[in-house]
Amino acid sequence: MTQQPGTTAGGASSMSFFGGQFSTNPFPLLAQMRAMGAIVQVPVPFDPSQKVWMVTRLEEAVQVLKDKRFTVDRSVVHTNDVYRQRAQLAADTPGLFGQSMISVDEPDHKRLRGLVSKAFTPKYIQSLRPHIQQIADELLDKVQDQGRMDLVRDYAYPLPINVISDMLGVPRKNREQIRLWAEALAGGGRNSDGERVGRIRSFSEYIVQLVAEKRLHPQEDLMSQLIHMEEAGDHLSEAELLSMVGLLIFAGHETTSNLISIGSLMLLDHPDQLEKLKADLSLIPSAVEELLRFNGPVLTPVPRFATEDIELGGQSIHKGDMVITVLASANRDESQFTNPDELDIARSLNRHIAFGQGIHICLGAPLARLEGDIAFTTLLKRMPDLRLDAPRESISWRGNFTLRGLTSLPVAF
């Protein structure tokens, strides 16, 4: 099929990708895009001057994510107004959009990631299992006798936010407020643009205040360790410290929370797979991988920009072009997965890229996998009769072209 730039195979405008309805069910549109080719040019409403390509298939997605000729730092190829806007945004929200490791490449990326990588090694993460299990049980203890709960509010959100907050040393009293701030940052909720910007600024201000308080009263937690590194001049500036803390708080819970809630809904949508899983809970690690592939929380990672002219998937990408790797599309690539539109919790060959690839592969992947394992195992052990407690069509989604999740998920047991 010959690609017509700016359109999908069905003739629908690819502006749909940037609309609010896309997060509800992106997969039909993504299938149309894959039918057009591995690399598809699309217009973007927010910056008509920017040439944008979407990567729809697995092989090319991995290539882009690993290729050093693509950068996450837009200022490398775009200066002047764009660079000034980015600098202003970083100045306005120092705890969120400053100098985090997801917005820089080598050598700064390696330096920043190295400072926190010891806290995310598989060995250390596995040592957290008893603590995470305790949190999961305590959350279900609160609702067990009620016979119903909102799985998002009562379980999927509080489990990972408590885990990462305990690791960082974030006070418990602030964790519900963080949920509202993170929702605004992820593009969810029913906030107006003004309210959303206000909440994002409040989140940034909170991080600055949190770090200042932790300086005065350090403890045995990751944030205190990072502050010590910064004060010792150990390759961490104040801006980088604030950005690191903000990134860890947000990314450390938002995606895993959505994995648990979306994954639960997918299992309820596929009762045969749910029954298979309940009959053999040893399949849960495999099921977590399949849920990530089938309907993961991250649709696209940080966009890349070509630092030189590149031939990719039969298309000529020019220096400065934006390249968006659509993980959700690559993970359903018909040329790489058998029956990709089917949920198969026992899928044996599952080379999904839900955590990304290359140097920016998700640092928290071991933690997310462990939390998913414990969350689903505990839920199905304790509530084997889990079922949806609302009309399926009433379940609403939140998010944007990057992240997606559920606003709520009423269940009974």
Protein backbone atom coordinates (compact mmCIF):
# COMPACT_ATOMS: atom_id res chain seq x y z
CA MET A 1 0.00 0.00 0.00
CA THR A 2 1.41 3.40 -0.99
CA GLN A 3 1.63 5.93 1.79
CA GLN A 4 -0.17 9.24 1.39
CA PRO A 5 1.52 11.57 3.89
CA GLY A 6 -0.84 12.81 6.56
CA THR A 7 -3.51 10.16 6.05
CA THR A 8 -4.12 6.68 7.36
CA ALA A 9 -4.99 3.66 5.25
CA GLY A 10 -8.69 4.18 5.91
CA GLY A 11 -8.54 7.83 4.90
CA ALA A 12 -8.84 9.09 8.47
CA SER A 13 -6.68 12.06 9.34
CA SER A 14 -3.61 11.12 11.30
CA MET A 15 -4.40 14.18 13.43
CA SER A 16 -6.52 11.56 15.26
CA PHE A 17 -3.34 10.41 16.95
CA PHE A 18 -3.18 13.65 18.87
CA GLY A 19 -6.88 13.76 19.77
CA GLY A 20 -8.33 12.89 23.15
CA GLN A 21 -10.16 9.80 21.89
CA PHE A 22 -6.99 8.07 20.71
CA SER A 23 -6.10 6.75 24.18
CA THR A 24 -9.41 4.87 24.47
CA ASN A 25 -8.62 2.38 21.70
CA PRO A 26 -5.58 3.24 19.56
CA PHE A 27 -5.16 -0.18 17.98
CA PRO A 28 -7.41 0.05 14.87
CA LEU A 29 -5.69 3.26 13.82
CA LEU A 30 -2.26 1.78 14.55
CA ALA A 31 -3.09 -1.25 12.40
CA GLN A 32 -3.98 1.09 9.55
CA MET A 33 -0.66 2.87 9.97
CA ARG A 34 1.30 -0.40 9.93
CA ALA A 35 -0.45 -1.32 6.68
CA MET A 36 0.89 1.91 5.18
CA GLY A 37 4.49 1.14 6.08
CA ALA A 38 7.10 0.92 8.80
CA ILE A 39 7.74 4.68 8.68
CA VAL A 40 4.78 7.01 8.12
CA GLN A 41 4.88 10.78 7.89
CA VAL A 42 2.16 12.62 9.83
CA PRO A 43 1.24 16.27 10.38
CA VAL A 44 1.13 17.59 13.91
CA PRO A 45 -1.33 20.27 15.01
CA PHE A 46 0.94 21.78 17.65
CA ASP A 47 3.89 22.52 15.34
CA PRO A 48 3.08 22.56 11.58
CA SER A 49 6.70 23.46 10.74
CA GLN A 50 8.04 20.27 12.32
CA LYS A 51 8.33 17.24 10.05
CA VAL A 52 7.22 14.17 12.01
CA TRP A 53 7.54 10.47 11.23
CA MET A 54 5.91 7.60 13.12
CA VAL A 55 7.65 4.25 13.40
CA THR A 56 5.00 1.54 13.36
CA ARG A 57 6.90 -1.76 13.20
CA LEU A 58 9.18 -3.56 15.62
CA GLU A 59 12.42 -3.89 13.67
CA GLU A 60 12.56 -0.22 12.73
CA ALA A 61 11.45 0.86 16.23
CA VAL A 62 14.36 -1.02 17.81
CA GLN A 63 16.70 0.48 15.22
CA VAL A 64 15.67 4.05 16.05
CA LEU A 65 15.81 3.52 19.81
CA LYS A 66 19.35 2.10 19.57
CA ASP A 67 20.76 4.38 16.86
CA LYS A 68 23.00 7.19 18.18
CA ARG A 69 22.10 9.29 15.14
CA PHE A 70 18.75 9.95 16.82
CA THR A 71 18.76 12.16 19.90
CA VAL A 72 16.20 12.88 22.62
CA ASP A 73 17.64 16.39 23.00
CA ARG A 74 15.81 18.65 20.59
CA SER A 75 18.22 21.52 21.22
CA VAL A 76 20.94 19.54 19.43
CA VAL A 77 19.18 20.11 16.10
CA HIS A 78 16.77 22.98 16.88
CA THR A 79 17.98 26.21 18.42
CA ASN A 80 16.64 29.76 18.64
CA ASP A 81 12.95 29.95 19.65
CA VAL A 82 12.52 26.24 20.34
CA TYR A 83 15.57 26.11 22.57
CA ARG A 84 14.52 29.26 24.44
CA GLN A 85 11.04 27.85 25.02
CA ARG A 86 12.49 24.66 26.44
CA ALA A 87 14.89 26.60 28.67
CA GLN A 88 12.00 28.72 29.94
CA LEU A 89 9.92 25.61 30.69
CA ALA A 90 12.81 24.09 32.62
CA ALA A 91 13.22 27.31 34.60
CA ASP A 92 9.51 27.47 35.41
CA THR A 93 9.26 23.84 36.55
CA PRO A 94 12.72 22.87 37.89
CA GLY A 95 11.58 19.64 39.49
CA LEU A 96 10.02 18.23 36.33
CA PHE A 97 11.32 19.49 33.01
CA GLY A 98 14.90 20.34 33.85
CA GLN A 99 17.86 18.12 33.15
CA SER A 100 16.59 14.58 33.66
CA MET A 101 18.22 11.49 32.20
CA ILE A 102 15.34 10.93 29.77
CA SER A 103 16.04 14.26 28.06
CA VAL A 104 19.79 13.93 27.51
CA ASP A 105 22.08 11.53 25.65
CA GLU A 106 25.64 10.40 26.30
CA PRO A 107 27.76 11.23 28.15
CA ASP A 108 25.35 12.98 30.54
CA HIS A 109 22.80 10.15 30.35
CA LYS A 110 25.31 7.51 31.45
CA ARG A 111 26.48 9.72 34.32
CA LEU A 112 22.96 10.45 35.60
CA ARG A 113 21.66 6.91 35.18
CA GLY A 114 24.72 5.52 36.92
CA LEU A 115 23.96 7.57 40.03
CA VAL A 116 20.64 5.77 40.61
CA SER A 117 21.20 2.44 38.87
CA LYS A 118 22.31 0.71 42.08
CA ALA A 119 18.84 1.29 43.51
CA PHE A 120 17.27 -0.55 40.59
CA THR A 121 19.44 -3.64 40.17
CA PRO A 122 17.46 -6.91 39.96
CA LYS A 123 19.13 -8.15 43.16
CA TYR A 124 18.14 -5.08 45.18
CA ILE A 125 14.65 -4.98 43.70
CA GLN A 126 14.08 -8.63 44.66
CA SER A 127 15.02 -7.75 48.23
CA LEU A 128 11.95 -5.47 48.26
CA ARG A 129 9.55 -8.36 47.68
CA PRO A 130 8.46 -8.80 51.34
CA HIS A 131 7.81 -5.06 51.69
CA ILE A 132 5.84 -4.87 48.44
CA GLN A 133 3.86 -7.95 49.45
CA GLN A 134 3.03 -6.32 52.78
CA ILE A 135 1.76 -3.18 51.02
CA ALA A 136 -0.40 -5.25 48.63
CA ASP A 137 -1.95 -7.23 51.50
CA GLU A 138 -2.61 -4.13 53.58
CA LEU A 139 -4.41 -2.47 50.67
CA LEU A 140 -6.64 -5.49 50.10
CA ASP A 141 -7.26 -5.86 53.84
CA LYS A 142 -8.99 -2.47 53.75
CA VAL A 143 -11.55 -3.52 51.15
CA GLN A 144 -11.82 -7.29 51.61
CA ASP A 145 -15.00 -7.18 53.69
CA GLN A 146 -16.71 -4.62 51.45
CA GLY A 147 -16.98 -7.02 48.53
CA ARG A 148 -16.14 -4.29 46.02
CA MET A 149 -13.59 -1.58 45.31
CA ASP A 150 -12.33 0.84 42.73
CA LEU A 151 -9.28 -1.10 41.64
CA VAL A 152 -7.52 2.07 40.43
CA ARG A 153 -8.06 4.15 43.57
CA ASP A 154 -7.81 1.37 46.16
CA TYR A 155 -5.06 -0.84 44.71
CA ALA A 156 -3.39 -0.02 41.39
CA TYR A 157 -2.44 3.55 42.33
CA PRO A 158 -1.48 3.23 46.02
CA LEU A 159 0.69 0.12 45.61
CA PRO A 160 3.44 1.59 43.37
CA ILE A 161 3.27 5.11 44.80
CA ASN A 162 3.87 3.69 48.30
CA VAL A 163 6.76 1.55 47.05
CA ILE A 164 8.64 4.35 45.23
CA SER A 165 7.81 6.88 47.96
CA ASP A 166 9.25 4.59 50.61
CA MET A 167 12.38 4.13 48.48
CA LEU A 168 12.80 7.89 48.05
CA GLY A 169 11.62 9.00 51.49
CA VAL A 170 8.48 10.88 50.38
CA PRO A 171 6.14 11.56 53.35
CA ARG A 172 2.97 9.45 53.34
CA LYS A 173 0.75 12.49 53.93
CA ASN A 174 1.51 13.85 50.45
CA ARG A 175 0.85 10.73 48.38
CA GLU A 176 -2.78 11.39 47.49
CA GLN A 177 -1.91 14.90 46.35
CA ILE A 178 0.87 13.45 44.20
CA ARG A 179 -1.77 11.37 42.42
CA LEU A 180 -3.61 14.52 41.32
CA TRP A 181 -0.41 16.24 40.23
CA ALA A 182 0.78 13.17 38.32
CA GLU A 183 -2.59 12.87 36.61
CA ALA A 184 -2.22 16.42 35.32
CA LEU A 185 1.33 15.71 34.17
CA ALA A 186 0.17 12.59 32.31
CA GLY A 187 -2.53 14.58 30.54
CA GLY A 188 -5.42 12.94 32.33
CA GLY A 189 -8.30 14.07 34.46
CA ARG A 190 -10.95 16.65 33.69
CA ASN A 191 -8.77 19.69 34.26
CA SER A 192 -8.85 22.73 32.01
CA ASP A 193 -5.54 23.70 30.44
CA GLY A 194 -5.13 26.41 33.06
CA GLU A 195 -5.82 24.00 35.92
CA ARG A 196 -3.44 21.45 34.45
CA VAL A 197 -0.60 23.96 34.15
CA GLY A 198 -1.30 25.12 37.70
CA ARG A 199 -1.10 21.57 39.05
CA ILE A 200 2.12 20.86 37.17
CA ARG A 201 3.66 24.00 38.64
CA SER A 202 2.48 22.93 42.10
CA PHE A 203 4.09 19.51 41.60
CA SER A 204 7.35 21.20 40.63
CA GLU A 205 7.22 23.52 43.65
CA TYR A 206 6.55 20.54 45.91
CA ILE A 207 9.64 18.73 44.65
CA VAL A 208 11.80 21.80 45.29
CA GLN A 209 10.36 22.03 48.82
CA LEU A 210 10.76 18.30 49.41
CA VAL A 211 14.44 18.34 48.48
CA ALA A 212 15.02 21.41 50.67
CA GLU A 213 13.42 19.66 53.66
CA LYS A 214 15.38 16.49 53.01
CA ARG A 215 18.61 18.51 53.04
CA LEU A 216 17.80 19.64 56.57
CA HIS A 217 16.67 16.19 57.74
CA PRO A 218 18.44 13.48 55.71
CA GLN A 219 17.49 9.85 56.28
CA GLU A 220 18.37 6.41 54.96
CA ASP A 221 16.61 6.78 51.62
CA LEU A 222 17.45 7.29 47.96
CA MET A 223 16.65 11.01 47.93
CA SER A 224 19.04 11.63 50.81
CA GLN A 225 21.73 9.70 48.92
CA LEU A 226 21.19 11.82 45.81
CA ILE A 227 21.36 15.03 47.86
CA HIS A 228 24.62 13.85 49.42
CA MET A 229 26.04 13.22 45.94
CA GLU A 230 25.01 16.69 44.79
CA GLU A 231 26.47 18.38 47.88
CA ALA A 232 29.71 16.44 47.44
CA GLY A 233 29.94 17.60 43.84
CA ASP A 234 29.69 14.01 42.65
CA HIS A 235 28.60 14.76 39.07
CA LEU A 236 25.11 15.96 40.00
CA SER A 237 23.99 19.59 39.76
CA GLU A 238 21.06 21.15 41.60
CA ALA A 239 18.94 21.19 38.43
CA GLU A 240 19.78 17.55 37.75
CA LEU A 241 18.98 16.57 41.34
CA LEU A 242 15.53 18.19 41.20
CA SER A 243 14.79 16.64 37.81
CA MET A 244 15.92 13.21 39.00
CA VAL A 245 13.66 13.31 42.07
CA GLY A 246 10.69 14.49 40.00
CA LEU A 247 11.27 11.82 37.38
CA LEU A 248 11.58 9.02 39.95
CA ILE A 249 8.39 10.06 41.76
CA PHE A 250 6.36 10.34 38.56
CA ALA A 251 7.77 7.51 36.44
CA GLY A 252 8.21 5.32 39.51
CA HIS A 253 4.48 4.92 39.98
CA GLU A 254 2.45 6.21 37.02
CA THR A 255 3.24 3.49 34.47
CA THR A 256 3.12 0.60 36.94
CA SER A 257 -0.20 1.80 38.30
CA ASN A 258 -1.57 1.79 34.76
CA LEU A 259 -0.07 -1.65 34.07
CA ILE A 260 -2.00 -3.07 37.04
CA SER A 261 -5.31 -1.40 36.19
CA ILE A 262 -5.20 -1.88 32.40
CA GLY A 263 -3.92 -5.43 32.86
CA SER A 264 -6.78 -6.25 35.23
CA LEU A 265 -9.31 -4.90 32.73
CA MET A 266 -7.74 -6.91 29.92
CA LEU A 267 -8.01 -10.09 31.99
CA LEU A 268 -11.66 -9.31 32.76
CA ASP A 269 -12.19 -8.72 29.03
CA HIS A 270 -10.70 -12.15 28.29
CA PRO A 271 -12.31 -14.56 30.78
CA ASP A 272 -10.68 -17.61 29.21
CA GLN A 273 -7.23 -16.14 29.90
CA LEU A 274 -8.28 -15.07 33.40
CA GLU A 275 -9.44 -18.60 34.22
CA LYS A 276 -6.24 -20.06 32.80
CA LEU A 277 -4.22 -17.72 34.99
CA LYS A 278 -6.21 -18.45 38.16
CA ALA A 279 -5.71 -22.16 37.54
CA ASP A 280 -1.94 -21.71 37.35
CA LEU A 281 -0.56 -18.64 39.11
CA SER A 282 2.97 -19.61 38.04
CA LEU A 283 1.99 -18.10 34.67
CA ILE A 284 1.78 -14.60 36.16
CA PRO A 285 5.32 -13.46 35.17
CA SER A 286 4.54 -14.53 31.61
CA ALA A 287 1.13 -12.86 31.84
CA VAL A 288 2.73 -9.58 32.94
CA GLU A 289 4.93 -9.60 29.83
CA GLU A 290 1.95 -10.34 27.60
CA LEU A 291 -0.17 -7.61 29.20
CA LEU A 292 2.67 -5.16 28.59
CA ARG A 293 2.84 -6.22 24.94
CA PHE A 294 -0.89 -6.43 24.34
CA ASN A 295 -1.98 -3.18 25.94
CA GLY A 296 0.85 -1.51 27.83
CA PRO A 297 0.58 1.89 29.52
CA VAL A 298 3.25 3.63 27.41
CA LEU A 299 2.19 4.29 23.82
CA THR A 300 5.28 6.25 22.81
CA PRO A 301 8.53 7.17 24.57
CA VAL A 302 10.26 10.56 24.35
CA PRO A 303 10.46 11.59 20.66
CA ARG A 304 13.78 11.37 18.84
CA PHE A 305 15.31 13.87 16.42
CA ALA A 306 17.56 12.98 13.51
CA THR A 307 21.01 14.52 13.87
CA GLU A 308 21.81 13.84 10.20
CA ASP A 309 20.08 12.70 7.03
CA ILE A 310 19.17 9.01 7.42
CA GLU A 311 17.51 6.37 5.26
CA LEU A 312 15.04 4.42 7.40
CA GLY A 313 12.44 1.87 6.34
CA GLY A 314 12.53 3.12 2.76
CA GLN A 315 11.99 6.75 3.79
CA SER A 316 14.42 9.65 3.71
CA ILE A 317 14.61 11.18 7.18
CA HIS A 318 16.27 14.60 7.22
CA LYS A 319 18.31 16.24 9.95
CA GLY A 320 15.95 17.86 12.47
CA ASP A 321 12.97 15.60 11.68
CA MET A 322 11.07 14.26 14.68
CA VAL A 323 10.74 10.47 14.87
CA ILE A 324 8.12 8.93 17.17
CA THR A 325 8.46 5.22 17.89
CA VAL A 326 4.99 3.88 18.58
CA LEU A 327 5.65 1.06 21.06
CA ALA A 328 1.99 0.05 21.11
CA SER A 329 2.09 -0.50 17.34
CA ALA A 330 5.48 -2.25 17.26
CA ASN A 331 4.24 -4.65 19.94
CA ARG A 332 1.45 -5.78 17.62
CA ASP A 333 3.61 -6.08 14.52
CA GLU A 334 2.13 -8.92 12.46
CA SER A 335 5.55 -9.77 11.03
CA GLN A 336 7.01 -10.35 14.51
CA PHE A 337 4.20 -11.85 16.62
CA THR A 338 1.83 -14.73 16.00
CA ASN A 339 -1.79 -13.57 16.32
CA PRO A 340 -0.67 -10.22 17.76
CA ASP A 341 -4.22 -8.99 18.42
CA GLU A 342 -4.93 -11.93 20.72
CA LEU A 343 -4.13 -11.95 24.43
CA ASP A 344 -2.12 -15.09 25.21
CA ILE A 345 -0.79 -15.13 28.78
CA ALA A 346 1.40 -18.15 27.99
CA ARG A 347 2.97 -16.61 24.85
CA SER A 348 6.37 -18.24 24.59
CA LEU A 349 8.15 -15.90 22.18
CA ASN A 350 7.46 -12.37 23.41
CA ARG A 351 10.05 -9.85 22.25
CA HIS A 352 7.97 -6.81 23.18
CA ILE A 353 9.54 -3.38 23.65
CA ALA A 354 7.10 -1.95 26.19
CA PHE A 355 10.07 -0.80 28.29
CA GLY A 356 11.84 0.71 25.28
CA GLN A 357 15.28 -0.23 23.98
CA GLY A 358 18.79 1.20 23.84
CA ILE A 359 20.37 3.46 26.44
CA HIS A 360 17.00 4.87 27.49
CA ILE A 361 15.42 1.49 28.25
CA CYS A 362 13.29 1.83 31.38
CA LEU A 363 15.47 1.90 34.49
CA GLY A 364 12.55 0.72 36.62
CA ALA A 365 11.70 -2.35 34.53
CA PRO A 366 12.79 -4.87 37.24
CA LEU A 367 10.69 -3.00 39.82
CA ALA A 368 7.65 -2.78 37.53
CA ARG A 369 7.84 -6.51 36.78
CA LEU A 370 8.08 -7.39 40.47
CA GLU A 371 5.20 -5.10 41.41
CA GLY A 372 3.10 -6.54 38.59
CA ASP A 373 3.91 -10.08 39.70
CA ILE A 374 2.95 -9.39 43.32
CA ALA A 375 -0.08 -7.25 42.45
CA PHE A 376 -1.75 -9.81 40.18
CA THR A 377 -0.77 -12.83 42.29
CA THR A 378 -2.14 -11.28 45.49
CA LEU A 379 -5.30 -10.00 43.80
CA LEU A 380 -6.21 -13.34 42.22
CA LYS A 381 -5.30 -15.39 45.31
CA ARG A 382 -7.40 -13.28 47.62
CA MET A 383 -10.21 -12.37 45.23
CA PRO A 384 -10.61 -15.29 42.82
CA ASP A 385 -14.18 -14.23 41.95
CA LEU A 386 -13.04 -10.82 40.72
CA ARG A 387 -15.49 -9.32 38.22
CA LEU A 388 -16.38 -5.99 36.69
CA ASP A 389 -18.86 -4.01 38.80
CA ALA A 390 -19.97 -1.51 36.16
CA PRO A 391 -21.10 -1.59 32.52
CA ARG A 392 -18.08 -2.20 30.32
CA GLU A 393 -18.91 0.83 28.17
CA SER A 394 -18.77 3.09 31.24
CA ILE A 395 -15.05 2.44 31.80
CA SER A 396 -13.22 5.60 30.77
CA TRP A 397 -9.61 6.20 29.85
CA ARG A 398 -7.29 9.10 30.53
CA GLY A 399 -4.03 10.05 28.98
CA ASN A 400 -2.49 11.33 25.79
CA PHE A 401 -0.36 10.11 22.94
CA THR A 402 2.41 9.09 25.35
CA LEU A 403 0.77 7.55 28.44
CA ARG A 404 -2.63 6.07 29.09
CA GLY A 405 -4.56 4.63 32.01
CA LEU A 406 -8.02 4.16 33.46
CA THR A 407 -9.82 6.82 35.46
CA SER A 408 -11.43 4.12 37.59
CA LEU A 409 -12.19 0.39 37.53
CA PRO A 410 -15.09 -0.70 39.76
CA VAL A 411 -14.83 -4.40 40.60
CA ALA A 412 -16.66 -6.80 42.86
CA PHE A 413 -15.40 -9.99 44.44
